[in-house]
Amino acid sequence: MIGLLVVAHGRLGESLIDCATYVLGKRPEHLLSLDLSSESDPERLLARAREQIAQLDEGDGVLVLADIYGATPCNTVCRLVSPGRVEAVAGASVPMLLKAITYRREPLAQLADRVVLGAREGAFHIHTETADAGT
């Protein structure tokens, strides 16, 4: 099973996991968060991320979800990417995390692609016609 790590600002990572836990009815296994507020020094953040990746990797690799591309959490994650072992996707969201949890038995690179697609499919511009269809 692919391990999942959410690296984000503040408590966003743990909040996304809380949302997924609520939707699924229990906290998924092999899923951790690393919040920037707990490790403000980028080198310490990198060391902690490496520790968590080692903890999560059962041989199938780890997918890391970062919040904002180009920000410190994501820049740290970029230093960890190792094709086939550690893949990363930026723009972490609840739909993205749910896709990652649901399809984490797929090959790592394929899971990363599916997660990006899930994020795209999870975003909607709600028009009155769309809103009325939901009632």
N, C-alpha and C. Protein backbone atom coordinates (compact mmCIF):
# COMPACT_ATOMS: atom_id res chain seq x y z
N MET A 1 0.86 -1.18 0.00
CA MET A 1 0.00 0.00 0.00
C MET A 1 0.90 1.23 0.00
N ILE A 2 0.54 2.20 -0.79
CA ILE A 2 1.30 3.44 -0.88
C ILE A 2 1.01 4.29 0.36
N GLY A 3 2.07 4.79 0.99
CA GLY A 3 1.93 5.69 2.11
C GLY A 3 1.58 7.08 1.61
N LEU A 4 0.90 7.85 2.44
CA LEU A 4 0.48 9.21 2.08
C LEU A 4 0.94 10.19 3.15
N LEU A 5 1.54 11.28 2.69
CA LEU A 5 2.00 12.34 3.58
C LEU A 5 1.50 13.67 3.05
N VAL A 6 0.86 14.45 3.92
CA VAL A 6 0.39 15.78 3.55
C VAL A 6 1.30 16.79 4.23
N VAL A 7 1.97 17.63 3.43
CA VAL A 7 2.88 18.64 3.94
C VAL A 7 2.29 20.00 3.59
N ALA A 8 1.99 20.81 4.63
CA ALA A 8 1.26 22.05 4.38
C ALA A 8 1.53 23.09 5.45
N HIS A 9 1.02 24.29 5.20
CA HIS A 9 1.11 25.39 6.16
C HIS A 9 0.12 25.18 7.31
N GLY A 10 0.47 25.74 8.45
CA GLY A 10 -0.44 25.71 9.60
C GLY A 10 -0.88 24.30 9.93
N ARG A 11 -2.15 24.13 10.16
CA ARG A 11 -2.72 22.81 10.47
C ARG A 11 -3.51 22.25 9.30
N LEU A 12 -3.25 22.76 8.10
CA LEU A 12 -4.02 22.32 6.94
C LEU A 12 -3.90 20.82 6.70
N GLY A 13 -2.71 20.28 6.82
CA GLY A 13 -2.54 18.84 6.58
C GLY A 13 -3.41 17.99 7.49
N GLU A 14 -3.36 18.27 8.78
CA GLU A 14 -4.18 17.51 9.72
C GLU A 14 -5.66 17.78 9.51
N SER A 15 -6.02 18.99 9.12
CA SER A 15 -7.42 19.31 8.83
C SER A 15 -7.93 18.53 7.63
N LEU A 16 -7.11 18.40 6.58
CA LEU A 16 -7.52 17.59 5.43
C LEU A 16 -7.72 16.14 5.83
N ILE A 17 -6.83 15.64 6.67
CA ILE A 17 -6.97 14.26 7.16
C ILE A 17 -8.22 14.12 8.00
N ASP A 18 -8.53 15.11 8.83
CA ASP A 18 -9.76 15.09 9.63
C ASP A 18 -10.99 15.02 8.72
N CYS A 19 -10.99 15.79 7.64
CA CYS A 19 -12.11 15.77 6.69
C CYS A 19 -12.26 14.39 6.05
N ALA A 20 -11.15 13.82 5.59
CA ALA A 20 -11.19 12.49 4.98
C ALA A 20 -11.66 11.45 5.99
N THR A 21 -11.21 11.57 7.21
CA THR A 21 -11.63 10.64 8.27
C THR A 21 -13.14 10.73 8.48
N TYR A 22 -13.67 11.93 8.49
CA TYR A 22 -15.11 12.12 8.64
C TYR A 22 -15.88 11.47 7.49
N VAL A 23 -15.43 11.71 6.27
CA VAL A 23 -16.11 11.15 5.09
C VAL A 23 -16.05 9.63 5.10
N LEU A 24 -14.90 9.07 5.46
CA LEU A 24 -14.70 7.62 5.39
C LEU A 24 -15.15 6.88 6.65
N GLY A 25 -15.36 7.60 7.74
CA GLY A 25 -15.81 6.97 8.97
C GLY A 25 -14.69 6.48 9.87
N LYS A 26 -13.45 6.54 9.41
CA LYS A 26 -12.30 6.18 10.24
C LYS A 26 -11.04 6.77 9.59
N ARG A 27 -10.03 6.94 10.41
CA ARG A 27 -8.78 7.50 9.89
C ARG A 27 -8.06 6.42 9.07
N PRO A 28 -7.72 6.75 7.84
CA PRO A 28 -7.00 5.78 7.00
C PRO A 28 -5.61 5.46 7.56
N GLU A 29 -5.17 4.25 7.32
CA GLU A 29 -3.84 3.82 7.74
C GLU A 29 -2.78 4.43 6.84
N HIS A 30 -1.57 4.49 7.34
CA HIS A 30 -0.41 4.93 6.58
C HIS A 30 -0.63 6.31 5.96
N LEU A 31 -1.14 7.22 6.79
CA LEU A 31 -1.43 8.59 6.38
C LEU A 31 -0.99 9.52 7.50
N LEU A 32 -0.06 10.42 7.18
CA LEU A 32 0.46 11.36 8.16
C LEU A 32 0.44 12.77 7.59
N SER A 33 0.55 13.75 8.49
CA SER A 33 0.68 15.13 8.05
C SER A 33 1.93 15.73 8.69
N LEU A 34 2.47 16.69 7.99
CA LEU A 34 3.59 17.47 8.51
C LEU A 34 3.25 18.92 8.24
N ASP A 35 2.99 19.64 9.30
CA ASP A 35 2.57 21.03 9.18
C ASP A 35 3.74 21.96 9.39
N LEU A 36 3.83 22.97 8.56
CA LEU A 36 4.94 23.91 8.60
C LEU A 36 5.05 24.58 9.95
N SER A 37 3.97 24.82 10.63
CA SER A 37 4.03 25.50 11.92
C SER A 37 4.81 24.70 12.96
N SER A 38 4.82 23.37 12.82
CA SER A 38 5.54 22.54 13.79
C SER A 38 7.04 22.49 13.49
N GLU A 39 7.42 22.79 12.27
CA GLU A 39 8.83 22.78 11.87
C GLU A 39 9.08 24.00 11.00
N SER A 40 9.38 25.15 11.60
CA SER A 40 9.53 26.38 10.82
C SER A 40 10.86 26.46 10.07
N ASP A 41 11.87 25.72 10.50
CA ASP A 41 13.16 25.71 9.83
C ASP A 41 13.10 24.72 8.67
N PRO A 42 13.36 25.16 7.43
CA PRO A 42 13.25 24.26 6.27
C PRO A 42 14.11 23.00 6.37
N GLU A 43 15.29 23.10 6.97
CA GLU A 43 16.14 21.90 7.10
C GLU A 43 15.56 20.91 8.09
N ARG A 44 14.96 21.42 9.16
CA ARG A 44 14.30 20.53 10.13
C ARG A 44 13.04 19.92 9.52
N LEU A 45 12.32 20.74 8.73
CA LEU A 45 11.14 20.24 8.02
C LEU A 45 11.55 19.10 7.08
N LEU A 46 12.64 19.28 6.37
CA LEU A 46 13.14 18.26 5.45
C LEU A 46 13.50 16.99 6.21
N ALA A 47 14.19 17.13 7.33
CA ALA A 47 14.58 15.95 8.12
C ALA A 47 13.35 15.22 8.64
N ARG A 48 12.38 15.97 9.13
CA ARG A 48 11.14 15.35 9.66
C ARG A 48 10.37 14.67 8.52
N ALA A 49 10.32 15.30 7.35
CA ALA A 49 9.64 14.69 6.21
C ALA A 49 10.32 13.38 5.82
N ARG A 50 11.63 13.36 5.81
CA ARG A 50 12.36 12.11 5.51
C ARG A 50 12.01 11.01 6.51
N GLU A 51 11.94 11.38 7.79
CA GLU A 51 11.57 10.40 8.83
C GLU A 51 10.17 9.84 8.57
N GLN A 52 9.23 10.73 8.26
CA GLN A 52 7.86 10.28 8.05
C GLN A 52 7.74 9.43 6.78
N ILE A 53 8.47 9.79 5.74
CA ILE A 53 8.46 8.99 4.52
C ILE A 53 8.99 7.59 4.81
N ALA A 54 10.08 7.49 5.57
CA ALA A 54 10.63 6.19 5.94
C ALA A 54 9.62 5.39 6.75
N GLN A 55 8.89 6.05 7.62
CA GLN A 55 7.87 5.39 8.44
C GLN A 55 6.70 4.89 7.57
N LEU A 56 6.32 5.65 6.55
CA LEU A 56 5.16 5.33 5.72
C LEU A 56 5.45 4.32 4.62
N ASP A 57 6.69 4.24 4.16
CA ASP A 57 7.02 3.42 3.00
C ASP A 57 7.12 1.95 3.38
N GLU A 58 6.18 1.18 2.88
CA GLU A 58 6.17 -0.27 3.11
C GLU A 58 6.71 -1.03 1.90
N GLY A 59 7.32 -0.29 0.97
CA GLY A 59 7.87 -0.91 -0.23
C GLY A 59 7.19 -0.47 -1.51
N ASP A 60 6.00 0.14 -1.40
CA ASP A 60 5.27 0.60 -2.58
C ASP A 60 5.48 2.09 -2.83
N GLY A 61 6.19 2.76 -1.95
CA GLY A 61 6.46 4.18 -2.11
C GLY A 61 5.52 5.05 -1.31
N VAL A 62 5.73 6.36 -1.46
CA VAL A 62 4.95 7.35 -0.72
C VAL A 62 4.56 8.46 -1.68
N LEU A 63 3.30 8.86 -1.60
CA LEU A 63 2.82 10.02 -2.33
C LEU A 63 2.71 11.16 -1.33
N VAL A 64 3.36 12.27 -1.66
CA VAL A 64 3.33 13.45 -0.80
C VAL A 64 2.44 14.49 -1.45
N LEU A 65 1.49 14.99 -0.68
CA LEU A 65 0.61 16.07 -1.13
C LEU A 65 1.06 17.35 -0.44
N ALA A 66 1.40 18.36 -1.22
CA ALA A 66 1.81 19.66 -0.68
C ALA A 66 0.70 20.66 -0.96
N ASP A 67 0.65 21.72 -0.17
CA ASP A 67 -0.44 22.67 -0.35
C ASP A 67 -0.23 23.64 -1.51
N ILE A 68 0.82 24.43 -1.51
CA ILE A 68 1.00 25.48 -2.52
C ILE A 68 2.31 25.28 -3.26
N TYR A 69 2.24 25.12 -4.56
CA TYR A 69 3.46 24.97 -5.35
C TYR A 69 4.30 26.24 -5.23
N GLY A 70 5.57 26.07 -4.93
CA GLY A 70 6.49 27.20 -4.81
C GLY A 70 6.67 27.71 -3.39
N ALA A 71 5.83 27.28 -2.47
CA ALA A 71 5.94 27.70 -1.06
C ALA A 71 6.88 26.73 -0.32
N THR A 72 7.26 27.09 0.88
CA THR A 72 8.25 26.30 1.64
C THR A 72 7.88 24.83 1.78
N PRO A 73 6.65 24.46 2.14
CA PRO A 73 6.36 23.03 2.24
C PRO A 73 6.61 22.29 0.91
N CYS A 74 6.16 22.86 -0.17
CA CYS A 74 6.33 22.23 -1.49
C CYS A 74 7.79 22.23 -1.91
N ASN A 75 8.50 23.32 -1.68
CA ASN A 75 9.92 23.36 -2.02
C ASN A 75 10.69 22.29 -1.26
N THR A 76 10.31 22.05 -0.02
CA THR A 76 10.93 21.00 0.77
C THR A 76 10.62 19.64 0.16
N VAL A 77 9.37 19.43 -0.20
CA VAL A 77 8.94 18.18 -0.81
C VAL A 77 9.68 17.92 -2.12
N CYS A 78 9.92 18.96 -2.90
CA CYS A 78 10.62 18.80 -4.18
C CYS A 78 12.00 18.17 -3.99
N ARG A 79 12.61 18.40 -2.85
CA ARG A 79 13.93 17.83 -2.55
C ARG A 79 13.84 16.35 -2.21
N LEU A 80 12.66 15.84 -2.01
CA LEU A 80 12.46 14.44 -1.61
C LEU A 80 12.02 13.54 -2.76
N VAL A 81 11.60 14.13 -3.86
CA VAL A 81 11.05 13.35 -4.98
C VAL A 81 12.11 12.39 -5.50
N SER A 82 11.69 11.14 -5.64
CA SER A 82 12.53 10.07 -6.17
C SER A 82 11.61 9.16 -6.98
N PRO A 83 11.61 9.31 -8.32
CA PRO A 83 10.66 8.55 -9.15
C PRO A 83 10.57 7.07 -8.77
N GLY A 84 9.33 6.63 -8.59
CA GLY A 84 9.07 5.25 -8.22
C GLY A 84 9.13 5.00 -6.73
N ARG A 85 9.67 5.94 -5.98
CA ARG A 85 9.76 5.79 -4.53
C ARG A 85 8.99 6.89 -3.79
N VAL A 86 9.22 8.14 -4.18
CA VAL A 86 8.52 9.27 -3.59
C VAL A 86 8.06 10.17 -4.73
N GLU A 87 6.74 10.32 -4.86
CA GLU A 87 6.16 11.22 -5.86
C GLU A 87 5.45 12.32 -5.09
N ALA A 88 5.27 13.47 -5.73
CA ALA A 88 4.63 14.60 -5.06
C ALA A 88 3.65 15.30 -5.98
N VAL A 89 2.61 15.85 -5.38
CA VAL A 89 1.59 16.62 -6.08
C VAL A 89 1.29 17.85 -5.23
N ALA A 90 1.20 19.02 -5.87
CA ALA A 90 0.87 20.25 -5.15
C ALA A 90 -0.60 20.60 -5.35
N GLY A 91 -1.13 21.39 -4.42
CA GLY A 91 -2.52 21.82 -4.49
C GLY A 91 -3.43 20.96 -3.64
N ALA A 92 -2.93 20.46 -2.53
CA ALA A 92 -3.67 19.51 -1.69
C ALA A 92 -5.08 20.00 -1.38
N SER A 93 -6.03 19.09 -1.52
CA SER A 93 -7.44 19.37 -1.25
C SER A 93 -8.11 18.09 -0.76
N VAL A 94 -9.32 18.22 -0.26
CA VAL A 94 -10.06 17.04 0.20
C VAL A 94 -10.32 16.08 -0.97
N PRO A 95 -10.81 16.54 -2.14
CA PRO A 95 -11.01 15.58 -3.24
C PRO A 95 -9.71 14.86 -3.63
N MET A 96 -8.62 15.58 -3.62
CA MET A 96 -7.32 14.99 -3.96
C MET A 96 -6.94 13.92 -2.95
N LEU A 97 -7.08 14.21 -1.68
CA LEU A 97 -6.73 13.25 -0.64
C LEU A 97 -7.63 12.02 -0.70
N LEU A 98 -8.92 12.22 -0.93
CA LEU A 98 -9.83 11.07 -1.03
C LEU A 98 -9.46 10.18 -2.22
N LYS A 99 -9.08 10.76 -3.35
CA LYS A 99 -8.62 9.96 -4.50
C LYS A 99 -7.38 9.16 -4.12
N ALA A 100 -6.44 9.82 -3.44
CA ALA A 100 -5.21 9.15 -3.04
C ALA A 100 -5.50 7.97 -2.13
N ILE A 101 -6.40 8.15 -1.18
CA ILE A 101 -6.75 7.07 -0.26
C ILE A 101 -7.44 5.93 -0.99
N THR A 102 -8.35 6.27 -1.88
CA THR A 102 -9.16 5.27 -2.58
C THR A 102 -8.34 4.42 -3.55
N TYR A 103 -7.37 5.02 -4.22
CA TYR A 103 -6.64 4.32 -5.28
C TYR A 103 -5.18 4.05 -4.93
N ARG A 104 -4.84 4.00 -3.67
CA ARG A 104 -3.44 3.88 -3.26
C ARG A 104 -2.81 2.52 -3.50
N ARG A 105 -3.55 1.58 -4.04
CA ARG A 105 -2.96 0.28 -4.39
C ARG A 105 -2.48 0.25 -5.84
N GLU A 106 -2.70 1.34 -6.56
CA GLU A 106 -2.20 1.46 -7.94
C GLU A 106 -0.71 1.79 -7.90
N PRO A 107 0.00 1.64 -9.02
CA PRO A 107 1.40 2.06 -9.05
C PRO A 107 1.53 3.55 -8.70
N LEU A 108 2.63 3.90 -8.08
CA LEU A 108 2.82 5.24 -7.53
C LEU A 108 2.64 6.35 -8.57
N ALA A 109 3.27 6.26 -9.71
CA ALA A 109 3.16 7.31 -10.73
C ALA A 109 1.72 7.43 -11.24
N GLN A 110 1.05 6.29 -11.39
CA GLN A 110 -0.34 6.30 -11.84
C GLN A 110 -1.23 6.94 -10.78
N LEU A 111 -0.95 6.67 -9.51
CA LEU A 111 -1.72 7.29 -8.43
C LEU A 111 -1.56 8.80 -8.45
N ALA A 112 -0.33 9.28 -8.65
CA ALA A 112 -0.10 10.73 -8.71
C ALA A 112 -0.93 11.37 -9.82
N ASP A 113 -0.97 10.74 -10.98
CA ASP A 113 -1.78 11.25 -12.09
C ASP A 113 -3.27 11.24 -11.75
N ARG A 114 -3.73 10.18 -11.12
CA ARG A 114 -5.15 10.07 -10.76
C ARG A 114 -5.53 11.14 -9.73
N VAL A 115 -4.63 11.42 -8.81
CA VAL A 115 -4.88 12.42 -7.78
C VAL A 115 -5.03 13.81 -8.40
N VAL A 116 -4.17 14.12 -9.37
CA VAL A 116 -4.28 15.41 -10.06
C VAL A 116 -5.61 15.50 -10.79
N LEU A 117 -6.00 14.44 -11.46
CA LEU A 117 -7.29 14.41 -12.15
C LEU A 117 -8.43 14.57 -11.14
N GLY A 118 -8.33 13.92 -10.00
CA GLY A 118 -9.35 14.04 -8.97
C GLY A 118 -9.50 15.47 -8.47
N ALA A 119 -8.39 16.17 -8.37
CA ALA A 119 -8.46 17.58 -7.94
C ALA A 119 -9.17 18.42 -8.99
N ARG A 120 -8.85 18.16 -10.26
CA ARG A 120 -9.51 18.91 -11.34
C ARG A 120 -11.01 18.62 -11.36
N GLU A 121 -11.36 17.36 -11.23
CA GLU A 121 -12.77 16.96 -11.28
C GLU A 121 -13.53 17.39 -10.03
N GLY A 122 -12.82 17.70 -8.96
CA GLY A 122 -13.46 18.11 -7.71
C GLY A 122 -13.74 19.59 -7.63
N ALA A 123 -13.33 20.34 -8.65
CA ALA A 123 -13.55 21.79 -8.66
C ALA A 123 -14.66 22.15 -9.66
N PHE A 124 -15.65 22.91 -9.21
CA PHE A 124 -16.78 23.28 -10.03
C PHE A 124 -17.10 24.76 -9.86
N HIS A 125 -17.45 25.40 -10.94
CA HIS A 125 -18.04 26.73 -10.86
C HIS A 125 -19.53 26.48 -10.74
N ILE A 126 -20.11 26.82 -9.62
CA ILE A 126 -21.51 26.52 -9.35
C ILE A 126 -22.37 27.64 -9.92
N HIS A 127 -23.20 27.28 -10.89
CA HIS A 127 -24.18 28.19 -11.47
C HIS A 127 -25.54 27.89 -10.86
N THR A 128 -26.49 28.74 -11.07
CA THR A 128 -27.82 28.48 -10.51
C THR A 128 -28.40 27.17 -11.03
N GLU A 129 -28.11 26.84 -12.31
CA GLU A 129 -28.62 25.57 -12.86
C GLU A 129 -27.98 24.38 -12.16
N THR A 130 -26.70 24.49 -11.85
CA THR A 130 -25.98 23.43 -11.15
C THR A 130 -26.52 23.29 -9.74
N ALA A 131 -26.70 24.43 -9.06
CA ALA A 131 -27.18 24.41 -7.68
C ALA A 131 -28.59 23.83 -7.61
N ASP A 132 -29.45 24.15 -8.59
CA ASP A 132 -30.81 23.64 -8.60
C ASP A 132 -30.84 22.13 -8.84
N ALA A 133 -29.87 21.61 -9.60
CA ALA A 133 -29.82 20.19 -9.90
C ALA A 133 -29.54 19.36 -8.65
N GLY A 134 -28.89 19.97 -7.66
CA GLY A 134 -28.56 19.25 -6.44
C GLY A 134 -29.70 19.15 -5.47
N THR A 135 -30.81 19.80 -5.73
CA THR A 135 -31.93 19.77 -4.78
C THR A 135 -33.00 18.81 -5.19
